[in-house]
Amino acid sequence: MTTYRMALSRPSDKAMIAGVCAGLADRFGMKPFTVRLLFLLSCLLPGPQFVIYIVLWVLIPKR
């Protein structure tokens, strides 16, 4: 059985800030809450998380 996945886009109806986490969740078949939680937990580690979020905000088209 083939499962169809949506193209990567930012939904305006599920967005909390920019819809990046909700768009990633839709694309990979996860719940938006899970992706948001993973993002927040990743912010505890050193790295460019906020820069990546802003880049994805710019690159991912709005639905």
PDB file of N, CA and C in Angstrom:
ATOM      1  N   MET A   1       0.842  -1.175   0.000  1.00  0.00           N
ATOM      2  CA  MET A   1       0.000   0.000   0.000  1.00  0.00           C
ATOM      3  C   MET A   1       0.892   1.244   0.000  1.00  0.00           C
ATOM      4  N   THR A   2       0.600   2.195  -0.841  1.00  0.00           N
ATOM      5  CA  THR A   2       1.372   3.416  -0.948  1.00  0.00           C
ATOM      6  C   THR A   2       0.716   4.515  -0.125  1.00  0.00           C
ATOM      7  N   THR A   3       1.516   5.178   0.684  1.00  0.00           N
ATOM      8  CA  THR A   3       1.015   6.291   1.479  1.00  0.00           C
ATOM      9  C   THR A   3       1.468   7.585   0.838  1.00  0.00           C
ATOM     10  N   TYR A   4       0.527   8.482   0.610  1.00  0.00           N
ATOM     11  CA  TYR A   4       0.845   9.776   0.003  1.00  0.00           C
ATOM     12  C   TYR A   4       1.173  10.774   1.101  1.00  0.00           C
ATOM     13  N   ARG A   5       2.295  11.416   0.985  1.00  0.00           N
ATOM     14  CA  ARG A   5       2.688  12.464   1.923  1.00  0.00           C
ATOM     15  C   ARG A   5       2.558  13.809   1.233  1.00  0.00           C
ATOM     16  N   MET A   6       2.116  14.802   1.991  1.00  0.00           N
ATOM     17  CA  MET A   6       1.991  16.155   1.454  1.00  0.00           C
ATOM     18  C   MET A   6       3.359  16.729   1.154  1.00  0.00           C
ATOM     19  N   ALA A   7       3.390  17.629   0.202  1.00  0.00           N
ATOM     20  CA  ALA A   7       4.617  18.379  -0.045  1.00  0.00           C
ATOM     21  C   ALA A   7       4.854  19.292   1.160  1.00  0.00           C
ATOM     22  N   LEU A   8       6.083  19.636   1.387  1.00  0.00           N
ATOM     23  CA  LEU A   8       6.429  20.463   2.532  1.00  0.00           C
ATOM     24  C   LEU A   8       5.899  21.873   2.340  1.00  0.00           C
ATOM     25  N   SER A   9       5.019  22.308   3.249  1.00  0.00           N
ATOM     26  CA  SER A   9       4.473  23.664   3.234  1.00  0.00           C
ATOM     27  C   SER A   9       4.047  24.019   4.656  1.00  0.00           C
ATOM     28  N   ARG A  10       3.907  25.307   4.906  1.00  0.00           N
ATOM     29  CA  ARG A  10       3.527  25.790   6.230  1.00  0.00           C
ATOM     30  C   ARG A  10       2.022  26.044   6.271  1.00  0.00           C
ATOM     31  N   PRO A  11       1.262  25.274   7.056  1.00  0.00           N
ATOM     32  CA  PRO A  11      -0.180  25.508   7.132  1.00  0.00           C
ATOM     33  C   PRO A  11      -0.494  26.733   7.985  1.00  0.00           C
ATOM     34  N   SER A  12      -1.439  27.521   7.543  1.00  0.00           N
ATOM     35  CA  SER A  12      -1.802  28.714   8.316  1.00  0.00           C
ATOM     36  C   SER A  12      -2.799  28.382   9.430  1.00  0.00           C
ATOM     37  N   ASP A  13      -3.526  27.271   9.294  1.00  0.00           N
ATOM     38  CA  ASP A  13      -4.533  26.928  10.294  1.00  0.00           C
ATOM     39  C   ASP A  13      -3.947  26.260  11.542  1.00  0.00           C
ATOM     40  N   LYS A  14      -2.779  25.618  11.439  1.00  0.00           N
ATOM     41  CA  LYS A  14      -2.163  24.935  12.585  1.00  0.00           C
ATOM     42  C   LYS A  14      -0.942  25.671  13.113  1.00  0.00           C
ATOM     43  N   ALA A  15      -0.649  26.836  12.579  1.00  0.00           N
ATOM     44  CA  ALA A  15       0.574  27.552  12.939  1.00  0.00           C
ATOM     45  C   ALA A  15       0.481  28.169  14.326  1.00  0.00           C
ATOM     46  N   MET A  16       1.581  28.079  15.077  1.00  0.00           N
ATOM     47  CA  MET A  16       1.666  28.789  16.354  1.00  0.00           C
ATOM     48  C   MET A  16       2.494  30.057  16.167  1.00  0.00           C
ATOM     49  N   ILE A  17       3.641  29.937  15.535  1.00  0.00           N
ATOM     50  CA  ILE A  17       4.467  31.113  15.252  1.00  0.00           C
ATOM     51  C   ILE A  17       4.502  31.312  13.744  1.00  0.00           C
ATOM     52  N   ALA A  18       5.165  30.415  13.045  1.00  0.00           N
ATOM     53  CA  ALA A  18       5.268  30.556  11.591  1.00  0.00           C
ATOM     54  C   ALA A  18       4.748  29.324  10.855  1.00  0.00           C
ATOM     55  N   GLY A  19       4.454  28.258  11.578  1.00  0.00           N
ATOM     56  CA  GLY A  19       3.952  27.048  10.952  1.00  0.00           C
ATOM     57  C   GLY A  19       5.030  26.083  10.511  1.00  0.00           C
ATOM     58  N   VAL A  20       6.282  26.345  10.864  1.00  0.00           N
ATOM     59  CA  VAL A  20       7.375  25.476  10.443  1.00  0.00           C
ATOM     60  C   VAL A  20       7.229  24.094  11.066  1.00  0.00           C
ATOM     61  N   CYS A  21       7.023  24.022  12.359  1.00  0.00           N
ATOM     62  CA  CYS A  21       6.893  22.728  13.036  1.00  0.00           C
ATOM     63  C   CYS A  21       5.655  21.970  12.557  1.00  0.00           C
ATOM     64  N   ALA A  22       4.553  22.676  12.353  1.00  0.00           N
ATOM     65  CA  ALA A  22       3.328  22.035  11.861  1.00  0.00           C
ATOM     66  C   ALA A  22       3.524  21.517  10.445  1.00  0.00           C
ATOM     67  N   GLY A  23       4.242  22.256   9.619  1.00  0.00           N
ATOM     68  CA  GLY A  23       4.527  21.806   8.260  1.00  0.00           C
ATOM     69  C   GLY A  23       5.413  20.577   8.240  1.00  0.00           C
ATOM     70  N   LEU A  24       6.438  20.569   9.083  1.00  0.00           N
ATOM     71  CA  LEU A  24       7.311  19.395   9.181  1.00  0.00           C
ATOM     72  C   LEU A  24       6.540  18.195   9.713  1.00  0.00           C
ATOM     73  N   ALA A  25       5.659  18.423  10.674  1.00  0.00           N
ATOM     74  CA  ALA A  25       4.851  17.338  11.228  1.00  0.00           C
ATOM     75  C   ALA A  25       3.930  16.749  10.163  1.00  0.00           C
ATOM     76  N   ASP A  26       3.282  17.591   9.371  1.00  0.00           N
ATOM     77  CA  ASP A  26       2.413  17.107   8.294  1.00  0.00           C
ATOM     78  C   ASP A  26       3.211  16.293   7.278  1.00  0.00           C
ATOM     79  N   ARG A  27       4.375  16.787   6.938  1.00  0.00           N
ATOM     80  CA  ARG A  27       5.199  16.137   5.906  1.00  0.00           C
ATOM     81  C   ARG A  27       5.672  14.763   6.341  1.00  0.00           C
ATOM     82  N   PHE A  28       6.035  14.615   7.618  1.00  0.00           N
ATOM     83  CA  PHE A  28       6.606  13.362   8.093  1.00  0.00           C
ATOM     84  C   PHE A  28       5.616  12.520   8.892  1.00  0.00           C
ATOM     85  N   GLY A  29       4.334  12.890   8.891  1.00  0.00           N
ATOM     86  CA  GLY A  29       3.294  12.075   9.517  1.00  0.00           C
ATOM     87  C   GLY A  29       3.358  12.054  11.035  1.00  0.00           C
ATOM     88  N   MET A  30       3.724  13.170  11.626  1.00  0.00           N
ATOM     89  CA  MET A  30       3.806  13.272  13.080  1.00  0.00           C
ATOM     90  C   MET A  30       2.781  14.288  13.572  1.00  0.00           C
ATOM     91  N   LYS A  31       2.616  14.351  14.886  1.00  0.00           N
ATOM     92  CA  LYS A  31       1.748  15.363  15.475  1.00  0.00           C
ATOM     93  C   LYS A  31       2.539  16.650  15.631  1.00  0.00           C
ATOM     94  N   PRO A  32       1.913  17.809  15.377  1.00  0.00           N
ATOM     95  CA  PRO A  32       2.624  19.080  15.538  1.00  0.00           C
ATOM     96  C   PRO A  32       3.190  19.283  16.940  1.00  0.00           C
ATOM     97  N   PHE A  33       2.461  18.839  17.956  1.00  0.00           N
ATOM     98  CA  PHE A  33       2.940  18.981  19.331  1.00  0.00           C
ATOM     99  C   PHE A  33       4.271  18.268  19.524  1.00  0.00           C
ATOM    100  N   THR A  34       4.412  17.087  18.940  1.00  0.00           N
ATOM    101  CA  THR A  34       5.644  16.308  19.068  1.00  0.00           C
ATOM    102  C   THR A  34       6.822  17.047  18.443  1.00  0.00           C
ATOM    103  N   VAL A  35       6.624  17.613  17.257  1.00  0.00           N
ATOM    104  CA  VAL A  35       7.703  18.331  16.581  1.00  0.00           C
ATOM    105  C   VAL A  35       8.057  19.593  17.363  1.00  0.00           C
ATOM    106  N   ARG A  36       7.061  20.284  17.873  1.00  0.00           N
ATOM    107  CA  ARG A  36       7.323  21.486  18.671  1.00  0.00           C
ATOM    108  C   ARG A  36       8.104  21.143  19.940  1.00  0.00           C
ATOM    109  N   LEU A  37       7.724  20.050  20.588  1.00  0.00           N
ATOM    110  CA  LEU A  37       8.417  19.622  21.796  1.00  0.00           C
ATOM    111  C   LEU A  37       9.861  19.244  21.489  1.00  0.00           C
ATOM    112  N   LEU A  38      10.071  18.522  20.389  1.00  0.00           N
ATOM    113  CA  LEU A  38      11.431  18.166  19.993  1.00  0.00           C
ATOM    114  C   LEU A  38      12.266  19.407  19.698  1.00  0.00           C
ATOM    115  N   PHE A  39      11.662  20.397  19.060  1.00  0.00           N
ATOM    116  CA  PHE A  39      12.376  21.643  18.790  1.00  0.00           C
ATOM    117  C   PHE A  39      12.751  22.342  20.085  1.00  0.00           C
ATOM    118  N   LEU A  40      11.802  22.441  21.013  1.00  0.00           N
ATOM    119  CA  LEU A  40      12.093  23.107  22.285  1.00  0.00           C
ATOM    120  C   LEU A  40      13.174  22.373  23.062  1.00  0.00           C
ATOM    121  N   LEU A  41      13.135  21.051  23.058  1.00  0.00           N
ATOM    122  CA  LEU A  41      14.173  20.281  23.743  1.00  0.00           C
ATOM    123  C   LEU A  41      15.529  20.458  23.062  1.00  0.00           C
ATOM    124  N   SER A  42      15.526  20.575  21.747  1.00  0.00           N
ATOM    125  CA  SER A  42      16.796  20.766  21.033  1.00  0.00           C
ATOM    126  C   SER A  42      17.412  22.126  21.360  1.00  0.00           C
ATOM    127  N   CYS A  43      16.589  23.077  21.774  1.00  0.00           N
ATOM    128  CA  CYS A  43      17.112  24.399  22.128  1.00  0.00           C
ATOM    129  C   CYS A  43      17.951  24.361  23.396  1.00  0.00           C
ATOM    130  N   LEU A  44      17.844  23.284  24.174  1.00  0.00           N
ATOM    131  CA  LEU A  44      18.673  23.132  25.360  1.00  0.00           C
ATOM    132  C   LEU A  44      20.107  22.770  24.988  1.00  0.00           C
ATOM    133  N   LEU A  45      20.317  22.263  23.785  1.00  0.00           N
ATOM    134  CA  LEU A  45      21.639  21.894  23.303  1.00  0.00           C
ATOM    135  C   LEU A  45      22.246  23.057  22.541  1.00  0.00           C
ATOM    136  N   PRO A  46      23.563  23.147  22.531  1.00  0.00           N
ATOM    137  CA  PRO A  46      24.186  24.206  21.732  1.00  0.00           C
ATOM    138  C   PRO A  46      24.024  23.916  20.239  1.00  0.00           C
ATOM    139  N   GLY A  47      23.831  24.955  19.482  1.00  0.00           N
ATOM    140  CA  GLY A  47      23.690  24.778  18.048  1.00  0.00           C
ATOM    141  C   GLY A  47      22.848  25.871  17.418  1.00  0.00           C
ATOM    142  N   PRO A  48      22.713  25.815  16.114  1.00  0.00           N
ATOM    143  CA  PRO A  48      22.020  26.882  15.374  1.00  0.00           C
ATOM    144  C   PRO A  48      20.519  26.625  15.174  1.00  0.00           C
ATOM    145  N   GLN A  49      19.816  26.164  16.195  1.00  0.00           N
ATOM    146  CA  GLN A  49      18.403  25.818  16.043  1.00  0.00           C
ATOM    147  C   GLN A  49      17.561  26.999  15.575  1.00  0.00           C
ATOM    148  N   PHE A  50      17.760  28.161  16.160  1.00  0.00           N
ATOM    149  CA  PHE A  50      16.944  29.315  15.791  1.00  0.00           C
ATOM    150  C   PHE A  50      17.247  29.786  14.373  1.00  0.00           C
ATOM    151  N   VAL A  51      18.494  29.700  13.983  1.00  0.00           N
ATOM    152  CA  VAL A  51      18.873  30.083  12.622  1.00  0.00           C
ATOM    153  C   VAL A  51      18.221  29.128  11.617  1.00  0.00           C
ATOM    154  N   ILE A  52      18.249  27.843  11.918  1.00  0.00           N
ATOM    155  CA  ILE A  52      17.618  26.850  11.036  1.00  0.00           C
ATOM    156  C   ILE A  52      16.118  27.103  10.950  1.00  0.00           C
ATOM    157  N   TYR A  53      15.477  27.419  12.080  1.00  0.00           N
ATOM    158  CA  TYR A  53      14.040  27.708  12.094  1.00  0.00           C
ATOM    159  C   TYR A  53      13.721  28.902  11.182  1.00  0.00           C
ATOM    160  N   ILE A  54      14.513  29.957  11.290  1.00  0.00           N
ATOM    161  CA  ILE A  54      14.278  31.154  10.471  1.00  0.00           C
ATOM    162  C   ILE A  54      14.507  30.849   8.990  1.00  0.00           C
ATOM    163  N   VAL A  55      15.529  30.072   8.676  1.00  0.00           N
ATOM    164  CA  VAL A  55      15.795  29.686   7.277  1.00  0.00           C
ATOM    165  C   VAL A  55      14.624  28.865   6.744  1.00  0.00           C
ATOM    166  N   LEU A  56      14.128  27.915   7.544  1.00  0.00           N
ATOM    167  CA  LEU A  56      12.975  27.121   7.095  1.00  0.00           C
ATOM    168  C   LEU A  56      11.738  28.001   6.939  1.00  0.00           C
ATOM    169  N   TRP A  57      11.565  28.979   7.792  1.00  0.00           N
ATOM    170  CA  TRP A  57      10.443  29.919   7.716  1.00  0.00           C
ATOM    171  C   TRP A  57      10.469  30.646   6.378  1.00  0.00           C
ATOM    172  N   VAL A  58      11.651  31.025   5.930  1.00  0.00           N
ATOM    173  CA  VAL A  58      11.795  31.735   4.667  1.00  0.00           C
ATOM    174  C   VAL A  58      11.637  30.788   3.466  1.00  0.00           C
ATOM    175  N   LEU A  59      12.198  29.576   3.576  1.00  0.00           N
ATOM    176  CA  LEU A  59      12.234  28.666   2.427  1.00  0.00           C
ATOM    177  C   LEU A  59      10.950  27.859   2.201  1.00  0.00           C
ATOM    178  N   ILE A  60      10.250  27.487   3.259  1.00  0.00           N
ATOM    179  CA  ILE A  60       9.057  26.658   3.116  1.00  0.00           C
ATOM    180  C   ILE A  60       7.876  27.544   2.715  1.00  0.00           C
ATOM    181  N   PRO A  61       7.233  27.224   1.611  1.00  0.00           N
ATOM    182  CA  PRO A  61       6.102  28.059   1.169  1.00  0.00           C
ATOM    183  C   PRO A  61       4.888  27.912   2.088  1.00  0.00           C
ATOM    184  N   LYS A  62       4.106  28.982   2.173  1.00  0.00           N
ATOM    185  CA  LYS A  62       2.883  28.972   2.968  1.00  0.00           C
ATOM    186  C   LYS A  62       1.773  28.297   2.176  1.00  0.00           C
ATOM    187  N   ARG A  63       0.962  27.529   2.844  1.00  0.00           N
ATOM    188  CA  ARG A  63      -0.146  26.822   2.210  1.00  0.00           C
ATOM    189  C   ARG A  63      -1.333  27.721   2.036  1.00  0.00           C
TER     190      ARG A  63
END
